Amino acid sequence: MQGKSNPVTPAGYAAMRARYDHLLGIERPAIVEIVNWAAGNGDRSENGDYLYGRKRMREIDRELAHLARRMKAARVIDPAEQPDKSRAFFGATITLADEDDVERVVTLVGDDEQDASAGRIGWSSPVARAIKGAAVGDLRSVRLPGGLKEWEVVAIDYA
Protein backbone atom coordinates (compact mmCIF):
# COMPACT_ATOMS: atom_id res chain seq x y z
CA MET A 1 0.00 0.00 0.00
CA GLN A 2 2.89 2.31 -0.49
CA GLY A 3 1.97 5.73 -1.76
CA LYS A 4 -1.72 5.08 -1.21
CA SER A 5 -3.81 6.50 1.56
CA ASN A 6 -4.78 4.13 4.30
CA PRO A 7 -8.48 4.55 5.12
CA VAL A 8 -9.23 3.81 8.76
CA THR A 9 -12.18 4.33 11.09
CA PRO A 10 -11.75 6.62 14.12
CA ALA A 11 -11.81 3.54 16.39
CA GLY A 12 -9.18 1.80 14.27
CA TYR A 13 -6.88 4.82 14.38
CA ALA A 14 -7.34 5.10 18.15
CA ALA A 15 -6.38 1.41 18.51
CA MET A 16 -3.22 1.92 16.42
CA ARG A 17 -2.31 5.00 18.46
CA ALA A 18 -2.92 3.16 21.75
CA ARG A 19 -0.69 0.26 20.62
CA TYR A 20 2.06 2.69 19.56
CA ASP A 21 1.87 4.59 22.87
CA HIS A 22 1.90 1.33 24.86
CA LEU A 23 4.97 0.00 23.04
CA LEU A 24 6.85 3.30 23.24
CA GLY A 25 5.89 4.29 26.78
CA ILE A 26 5.67 0.98 28.64
CA GLU A 27 7.09 -2.08 26.87
CA ARG A 28 10.23 -0.58 25.35
CA PRO A 29 11.41 1.18 28.56
CA ALA A 30 10.88 -2.06 30.52
CA ILE A 31 12.97 -4.04 28.00
CA VAL A 32 15.70 -1.37 27.98
CA GLU A 33 15.89 -1.67 31.78
CA ILE A 34 16.19 -5.48 31.58
CA VAL A 35 18.88 -5.27 28.88
CA ASN A 36 20.87 -2.72 30.90
CA TRP A 37 20.64 -4.89 34.03
CA ALA A 38 21.61 -8.03 32.07
CA ALA A 39 24.53 -6.25 30.38
CA GLY A 40 25.96 -5.46 33.80
CA ASN A 41 26.04 -9.14 34.72
CA GLY A 42 29.09 -9.96 32.64
CA ASP A 43 29.35 -12.35 29.69
CA ARG A 44 26.66 -11.31 27.23
CA SER A 45 27.10 -14.28 24.88
CA GLU A 46 25.48 -16.70 27.36
CA ASN A 47 23.16 -14.24 29.10
CA GLY A 48 19.58 -15.24 28.22
CA ASP A 49 18.05 -12.05 29.63
CA TYR A 50 20.39 -9.93 27.53
CA LEU A 51 19.91 -11.93 24.31
CA TYR A 52 16.13 -12.14 24.68
CA GLY A 53 15.91 -8.47 25.64
CA ARG A 54 17.88 -7.35 22.58
CA LYS A 55 15.72 -9.54 20.33
CA ARG A 56 12.50 -8.21 21.87
CA MET A 57 13.75 -4.61 21.56
CA ARG A 58 14.34 -5.13 17.81
CA GLU A 59 10.81 -6.56 17.47
CA ILE A 60 9.32 -3.57 19.31
CA ASP A 61 11.32 -1.11 17.20
CA ARG A 62 10.13 -2.80 13.98
CA GLU A 63 6.50 -2.66 15.14
CA LEU A 64 6.87 0.99 16.19
CA ALA A 65 8.26 1.87 12.74
CA HIS A 66 5.43 -0.04 11.02
CA LEU A 67 2.76 1.66 13.14
CA ALA A 68 4.33 5.08 12.55
CA ARG A 69 4.24 4.54 8.76
CA ARG A 70 0.63 3.30 8.87
CA MET A 71 -0.54 6.21 11.04
CA LYS A 72 1.24 8.72 8.81
CA ALA A 73 -0.55 7.32 5.75
CA ALA A 74 -3.87 6.98 7.60
CA ARG A 75 -6.90 8.85 6.39
CA VAL A 76 -9.48 8.77 9.18
CA ILE A 77 -12.98 8.40 7.77
CA ASP A 78 -16.01 8.57 10.05
CA PRO A 79 -18.70 6.26 8.61
CA ALA A 80 -21.42 8.36 10.28
CA GLU A 81 -20.51 11.26 7.96
CA GLN A 82 -21.12 9.25 4.77
CA PRO A 83 -23.42 11.40 2.61
CA ASP A 84 -24.94 8.50 0.60
CA LYS A 85 -26.11 5.97 3.18
CA SER A 86 -28.09 3.99 0.59
CA ARG A 87 -24.93 2.42 -0.85
CA ALA A 88 -22.11 0.30 0.58
CA PHE A 89 -19.05 2.44 1.21
CA PHE A 90 -16.27 2.54 3.79
CA GLY A 91 -17.54 1.89 7.32
CA ALA A 92 -20.85 0.37 6.23
CA THR A 93 -22.22 -2.73 7.91
CA ILE A 94 -23.74 -4.85 5.16
CA THR A 95 -25.99 -7.88 5.44
CA LEU A 96 -25.41 -10.27 2.56
CA ALA A 97 -27.41 -13.37 1.61
CA ASP A 98 -26.05 -16.17 -0.56
CA GLU A 99 -27.90 -18.50 -2.94
CA ASP A 100 -29.11 -20.62 0.01
CA ASP A 101 -30.40 -17.55 1.90
CA VAL A 102 -27.61 -17.90 4.47
CA GLU A 103 -26.93 -14.40 5.76
CA ARG A 104 -23.55 -12.93 6.58
CA VAL A 105 -22.98 -9.54 8.17
CA VAL A 106 -19.74 -7.73 7.31
CA THR A 107 -18.37 -4.28 8.06
CA LEU A 108 -16.04 -2.56 5.59
CA VAL A 109 -13.05 -1.27 7.56
CA GLY A 110 -9.44 -0.29 6.94
CA ASP A 111 -6.97 -3.06 6.15
CA ASP A 112 -5.25 -2.50 9.51
CA GLU A 113 -8.53 -3.16 11.33
CA GLN A 114 -9.70 -6.28 9.52
CA ASP A 115 -10.76 -9.28 11.57
CA ALA A 116 -12.72 -11.85 9.57
CA SER A 117 -13.85 -13.72 12.67
CA ALA A 118 -15.56 -10.51 13.89
CA GLY A 119 -17.04 -9.75 10.45
CA ARG A 120 -14.70 -6.80 9.79
CA ILE A 121 -13.29 -7.09 6.28
CA GLY A 122 -10.46 -5.00 4.87
CA TRP A 123 -11.25 -2.27 2.37
CA SER A 124 -8.99 -3.82 -0.28
CA SER A 125 -10.18 -7.43 0.15
CA PRO A 126 -11.92 -9.16 -2.79
CA VAL A 127 -15.29 -9.20 -0.99
CA ALA A 128 -15.05 -5.49 -0.12
CA ARG A 129 -14.05 -4.57 -3.67
CA ALA A 130 -17.03 -6.51 -5.01
CA ILE A 131 -19.63 -4.87 -2.76
CA LYS A 132 -18.32 -1.28 -2.83
CA GLY A 133 -21.05 1.00 -4.10
CA ALA A 134 -23.75 -1.69 -3.97
CA ALA A 135 -27.32 -0.80 -2.97
CA VAL A 136 -29.92 -2.98 -1.25
CA GLY A 137 -31.14 -5.60 -3.74
CA ASP A 138 -27.93 -5.64 -5.82
CA LEU A 139 -26.30 -8.97 -6.65
CA ARG A 140 -22.51 -9.13 -6.44
CA SER A 141 -20.16 -11.95 -7.42
CA VAL A 142 -16.79 -12.60 -5.83
CA ARG A 143 -14.15 -15.04 -6.96
CA LEU A 144 -12.93 -16.79 -3.82
CA PRO A 145 -10.45 -19.68 -3.45
CA GLY A 146 -13.43 -22.07 -3.31
CA GLY A 147 -14.90 -20.70 -6.54
CA LEU A 148 -17.33 -18.02 -7.59
CA LYS A 149 -19.72 -16.86 -4.85
CA GLU A 150 -22.75 -14.64 -5.39
CA TRP A 151 -24.36 -12.51 -2.68
CA GLU A 152 -27.36 -10.25 -2.57
CA VAL A 153 -27.14 -7.06 -0.53
CA VAL A 154 -30.00 -7.34 1.99
CA ALA A 155 -29.30 -4.34 4.25
CA ILE A 156 -26.84 -1.47 4.65
CA ASP A 157 -26.27 0.33 7.94
CA TYR A 158 -23.94 3.12 9.05
CA ALA A 159 -23.80 2.90 12.83
C-alpha atoms as a PDB file:
ATOM      1  CA  MET A   1       0.000   0.000   0.000  1.00  0.00           C
ATOM      2  CA  GLN A   2       2.892   2.310  -0.494  1.00  0.00           C
ATOM      3  CA  GLY A   3       1.974   5.726  -1.762  1.00  0.00           C
ATOM      4  CA  LYS A   4      -1.718   5.081  -1.206  1.00  0.00           C
ATOM      5  CA  SER A   5      -3.809   6.500   1.557  1.00  0.00           C
ATOM      6  CA  ASN A   6      -4.775   4.126   4.301  1.00  0.00           C
ATOM      7  CA  PRO A   7      -8.485   4.548   5.116  1.00  0.00           C
ATOM      8  CA  VAL A   8      -9.230   3.808   8.756  1.00  0.00           C
ATOM      9  CA  THR A   9     -12.178   4.329  11.088  1.00  0.00           C
ATOM     10  CA  PRO A  10     -11.747   6.619  14.121  1.00  0.00           C
ATOM     11  CA  ALA A  11     -11.807   3.540  16.391  1.00  0.00           C
ATOM     12  CA  GLY A  12      -9.177   1.801  14.267  1.00  0.00           C
ATOM     13  CA  TYR A  13      -6.878   4.823  14.377  1.00  0.00           C
ATOM     14  CA  ALA A  14      -7.343   5.095  18.150  1.00  0.00           C
ATOM     15  CA  ALA A  15      -6.382   1.410  18.513  1.00  0.00           C
ATOM     16  CA  MET A  16      -3.215   1.918  16.416  1.00  0.00           C
ATOM     17  CA  ARG A  17      -2.315   4.998  18.456  1.00  0.00           C
ATOM     18  CA  ALA A  18      -2.919   3.157  21.746  1.00  0.00           C
ATOM     19  CA  ARG A  19      -0.692   0.261  20.617  1.00  0.00           C
ATOM     20  CA  TYR A  20       2.059   2.692  19.559  1.00  0.00           C
ATOM     21  CA  ASP A  21       1.869   4.588  22.869  1.00  0.00           C
ATOM     22  CA  HIS A  22       1.903   1.328  24.864  1.00  0.00           C
ATOM     23  CA  LEU A  23       4.967   0.005  23.038  1.00  0.00           C
ATOM     24  CA  LEU A  24       6.849   3.297  23.242  1.00  0.00           C
ATOM     25  CA  GLY A  25       5.895   4.290  26.775  1.00  0.00           C
ATOM     26  CA  ILE A  26       5.667   0.985  28.639  1.00  0.00           C
ATOM     27  CA  GLU A  27       7.086  -2.080  26.873  1.00  0.00           C
ATOM     28  CA  ARG A  28      10.226  -0.575  25.353  1.00  0.00           C
ATOM     29  CA  PRO A  29      11.409   1.179  28.556  1.00  0.00           C
ATOM     30  CA  ALA A  30      10.880  -2.063  30.515  1.00  0.00           C
ATOM     31  CA  ILE A  31      12.971  -4.045  28.001  1.00  0.00           C
ATOM     32  CA  VAL A  32      15.696  -1.374  27.983  1.00  0.00           C
ATOM     33  CA  GLU A  33      15.886  -1.673  31.775  1.00  0.00           C
ATOM     34  CA  ILE A  34      16.194  -5.483  31.576  1.00  0.00           C
ATOM     35  CA  VAL A  35      18.884  -5.273  28.882  1.00  0.00           C
ATOM     36  CA  ASN A  36      20.874  -2.724  30.899  1.00  0.00           C
ATOM     37  CA  TRP A  37      20.640  -4.892  34.025  1.00  0.00           C
ATOM     38  CA  ALA A  38      21.611  -8.027  32.074  1.00  0.00           C
ATOM     39  CA  ALA A  39      24.533  -6.248  30.380  1.00  0.00           C
ATOM     40  CA  GLY A  40      25.957  -5.455  33.797  1.00  0.00           C
ATOM     41  CA  ASN A  41      26.043  -9.145  34.725  1.00  0.00           C
ATOM     42  CA  GLY A  42      29.086  -9.962  32.640  1.00  0.00           C
ATOM     43  CA  ASP A  43      29.349 -12.347  29.685  1.00  0.00           C
ATOM     44  CA  ARG A  44      26.656 -11.310  27.231  1.00  0.00           C
ATOM     45  CA  SER A  45      27.099 -14.282  24.878  1.00  0.00           C
ATOM     46  CA  GLU A  46      25.485 -16.698  27.359  1.00  0.00           C
ATOM     47  CA  ASN A  47      23.159 -14.237  29.098  1.00  0.00           C
ATOM     48  CA  GLY A  48      19.578 -15.240  28.220  1.00  0.00           C
ATOM     49  CA  ASP A  49      18.046 -12.048  29.627  1.00  0.00           C
ATOM     50  CA  TYR A  50      20.385  -9.925  27.533  1.00  0.00           C
ATOM     51  CA  LEU A  51      19.914 -11.931  24.315  1.00  0.00           C
ATOM     52  CA  TYR A  52      16.125 -12.144  24.676  1.00  0.00           C
ATOM     53  CA  GLY A  53      15.908  -8.469  25.638  1.00  0.00           C
ATOM     54  CA  ARG A  54      17.879  -7.351  22.583  1.00  0.00           C
ATOM     55  CA  LYS A  55      15.715  -9.539  20.329  1.00  0.00           C
ATOM     56  CA  ARG A  56      12.496  -8.209  21.872  1.00  0.00           C
ATOM     57  CA  MET A  57      13.752  -4.614  21.565  1.00  0.00           C
ATOM     58  CA  ARG A  58      14.339  -5.134  17.813  1.00  0.00           C
ATOM     59  CA  GLU A  59      10.805  -6.561  17.466  1.00  0.00           C
ATOM     60  CA  ILE A  60       9.322  -3.569  19.315  1.00  0.00           C
ATOM     61  CA  ASP A  61      11.322  -1.106  17.198  1.00  0.00           C
ATOM     62  CA  ARG A  62      10.127  -2.804  13.983  1.00  0.00           C
ATOM     63  CA  GLU A  63       6.499  -2.661  15.140  1.00  0.00           C
ATOM     64  CA  LEU A  64       6.866   0.991  16.185  1.00  0.00           C
ATOM     65  CA  ALA A  65       8.264   1.869  12.739  1.00  0.00           C
ATOM     66  CA  HIS A  66       5.434  -0.036  11.018  1.00  0.00           C
ATOM     67  CA  LEU A  67       2.763   1.664  13.143  1.00  0.00           C
ATOM     68  CA  ALA A  68       4.332   5.084  12.548  1.00  0.00           C
ATOM     69  CA  ARG A  69       4.236   4.538   8.763  1.00  0.00           C
ATOM     70  CA  ARG A  70       0.629   3.303   8.868  1.00  0.00           C
ATOM     71  CA  MET A  71      -0.536   6.213  11.045  1.00  0.00           C
ATOM     72  CA  LYS A  72       1.245   8.721   8.812  1.00  0.00           C
ATOM     73  CA  ALA A  73      -0.550   7.315   5.749  1.00  0.00           C
ATOM     74  CA  ALA A  74      -3.871   6.975   7.603  1.00  0.00           C
ATOM     75  CA  ARG A  75      -6.901   8.855   6.391  1.00  0.00           C
ATOM     76  CA  VAL A  76      -9.475   8.765   9.178  1.00  0.00           C
ATOM     77  CA  ILE A  77     -12.983   8.403   7.770  1.00  0.00           C
ATOM     78  CA  ASP A  78     -16.007   8.571  10.049  1.00  0.00           C
ATOM     79  CA  PRO A  79     -18.702   6.260   8.609  1.00  0.00           C
ATOM     80  CA  ALA A  80     -21.423   8.365  10.280  1.00  0.00           C
ATOM     81  CA  GLU A  81     -20.509  11.262   7.965  1.00  0.00           C
ATOM     82  CA  GLN A  82     -21.123   9.245   4.770  1.00  0.00           C
ATOM     83  CA  PRO A  83     -23.415  11.403   2.606  1.00  0.00           C
ATOM     84  CA  ASP A  84     -24.945   8.498   0.598  1.00  0.00           C
ATOM     85  CA  LYS A  85     -26.107   5.973   3.183  1.00  0.00           C
ATOM     86  CA  SER A  86     -28.085   3.991   0.591  1.00  0.00           C
ATOM     87  CA  ARG A  87     -24.925   2.423  -0.848  1.00  0.00           C
ATOM     88  CA  ALA A  88     -22.114   0.301   0.583  1.00  0.00           C
ATOM     89  CA  PHE A  89     -19.049   2.442   1.209  1.00  0.00           C
ATOM     90  CA  PHE A  90     -16.270   2.542   3.792  1.00  0.00           C
ATOM     91  CA  GLY A  91     -17.538   1.893   7.319  1.00  0.00           C
ATOM     92  CA  ALA A  92     -20.854   0.368   6.231  1.00  0.00           C
ATOM     93  CA  THR A  93     -22.217  -2.725   7.912  1.00  0.00           C
ATOM     94  CA  ILE A  94     -23.736  -4.853   5.163  1.00  0.00           C
ATOM     95  CA  THR A  95     -25.988  -7.878   5.441  1.00  0.00           C
ATOM     96  CA  LEU A  96     -25.413 -10.274   2.556  1.00  0.00           C
ATOM     97  CA  ALA A  97     -27.410 -13.372   1.614  1.00  0.00           C
ATOM     98  CA  ASP A  98     -26.053 -16.170  -0.559  1.00  0.00           C
ATOM     99  CA  GLU A  99     -27.903 -18.504  -2.943  1.00  0.00           C
ATOM    100  CA  ASP A 100     -29.114 -20.618   0.010  1.00  0.00           C
ATOM    101  CA  ASP A 101     -30.404 -17.546   1.902  1.00  0.00           C
ATOM    102  CA  VAL A 102     -27.607 -17.898   4.467  1.00  0.00           C
ATOM    103  CA  GLU A 103     -26.934 -14.397   5.763  1.00  0.00           C
ATOM    104  CA  ARG A 104     -23.554 -12.932   6.575  1.00  0.00           C
ATOM    105  CA  VAL A 105     -22.978  -9.540   8.173  1.00  0.00           C
ATOM    106  CA  VAL A 106     -19.741  -7.725   7.309  1.00  0.00           C
ATOM    107  CA  THR A 107     -18.375  -4.277   8.065  1.00  0.00           C
ATOM    108  CA  LEU A 108     -16.044  -2.560   5.590  1.00  0.00           C
ATOM    109  CA  VAL A 109     -13.049  -1.268   7.561  1.00  0.00           C
ATOM    110  CA  GLY A 110      -9.442  -0.292   6.940  1.00  0.00           C
ATOM    111  CA  ASP A 111      -6.974  -3.058   6.152  1.00  0.00           C
ATOM    112  CA  ASP A 112      -5.249  -2.502   9.509  1.00  0.00           C
ATOM    113  CA  GLU A 113      -8.530  -3.163  11.327  1.00  0.00           C
ATOM    114  CA  GLN A 114      -9.697  -6.277   9.517  1.00  0.00           C
ATOM    115  CA  ASP A 115     -10.758  -9.279  11.569  1.00  0.00           C
ATOM    116  CA  ALA A 116     -12.716 -11.854   9.568  1.00  0.00           C
ATOM    117  CA  SER A 117     -13.852 -13.724  12.673  1.00  0.00           C
ATOM    118  CA  ALA A 118     -15.555 -10.515  13.888  1.00  0.00           C
ATOM    119  CA  GLY A 119     -17.036  -9.751  10.454  1.00  0.00           C
ATOM    120  CA  ARG A 120     -14.702  -6.801   9.792  1.00  0.00           C
ATOM    121  CA  ILE A 121     -13.289  -7.088   6.277  1.00  0.00           C
ATOM    122  CA  GLY A 122     -10.463  -4.995   4.874  1.00  0.00           C
ATOM    123  CA  TRP A 123     -11.254  -2.271   2.367  1.00  0.00           C
ATOM    124  CA  SER A 124      -8.994  -3.817  -0.279  1.00  0.00           C
ATOM    125  CA  SER A 125     -10.180  -7.432   0.153  1.00  0.00           C
ATOM    126  CA  PRO A 126     -11.916  -9.161  -2.789  1.00  0.00           C
ATOM    127  CA  VAL A 127     -15.288  -9.198  -0.990  1.00  0.00           C
ATOM    128  CA  ALA A 128     -15.052  -5.488  -0.118  1.00  0.00           C
ATOM    129  CA  ARG A 129     -14.048  -4.568  -3.672  1.00  0.00           C
ATOM    130  CA  ALA A 130     -17.032  -6.513  -5.011  1.00  0.00           C
ATOM    131  CA  ILE A 131     -19.630  -4.875  -2.759  1.00  0.00           C
ATOM    132  CA  LYS A 132     -18.318  -1.283  -2.830  1.00  0.00           C
ATOM    133  CA  GLY A 133     -21.048   0.996  -4.103  1.00  0.00           C
ATOM    134  CA  ALA A 134     -23.751  -1.686  -3.969  1.00  0.00           C
ATOM    135  CA  ALA A 135     -27.321  -0.801  -2.970  1.00  0.00           C
ATOM    136  CA  VAL A 136     -29.922  -2.984  -1.253  1.00  0.00           C
ATOM    137  CA  GLY A 137     -31.136  -5.603  -3.736  1.00  0.00           C
ATOM    138  CA  ASP A 138     -27.934  -5.639  -5.817  1.00  0.00           C
ATOM    139  CA  LEU A 139     -26.302  -8.974  -6.646  1.00  0.00           C
ATOM    140  CA  ARG A 140     -22.513  -9.126  -6.442  1.00  0.00           C
ATOM    141  CA  SER A 141     -20.159 -11.946  -7.420  1.00  0.00           C
ATOM    142  CA  VAL A 142     -16.792 -12.601  -5.833  1.00  0.00           C
ATOM    143  CA  ARG A 143     -14.145 -15.042  -6.962  1.00  0.00           C
ATOM    144  CA  LEU A 144     -12.933 -16.791  -3.819  1.00  0.00           C
ATOM    145  CA  PRO A 145     -10.452 -19.675  -3.447  1.00  0.00           C
ATOM    146  CA  GLY A 146     -13.433 -22.066  -3.312  1.00  0.00           C
ATOM    147  CA  GLY A 147     -14.897 -20.704  -6.535  1.00  0.00           C
ATOM    148  CA  LEU A 148     -17.333 -18.019  -7.587  1.00  0.00           C
ATOM    149  CA  LYS A 149     -19.724 -16.863  -4.852  1.00  0.00           C
ATOM    150  CA  GLU A 150     -22.747 -14.639  -5.386  1.00  0.00           C
ATOM    151  CA  TRP A 151     -24.355 -12.511  -2.681  1.00  0.00           C
ATOM    152  CA  GLU A 152     -27.363 -10.246  -2.572  1.00  0.00           C
ATOM    153  CA  VAL A 153     -27.141  -7.062  -0.526  1.00  0.00           C
ATOM    154  CA  VAL A 154     -30.000  -7.336   1.994  1.00  0.00           C
ATOM    155  CA  ALA A 155     -29.300  -4.339   4.248  1.00  0.00           C
ATOM    156  CA  ILE A 156     -26.836  -1.469   4.649  1.00  0.00           C
ATOM    157  CA  ASP A 157     -26.271   0.334   7.939  1.00  0.00           C
ATOM    158  CA  TYR A 158     -23.937   3.116   9.046  1.00  0.00           C
ATOM    159  CA  ALA A 159     -23.798   2.898  12.826  1.00  0.00           C
END
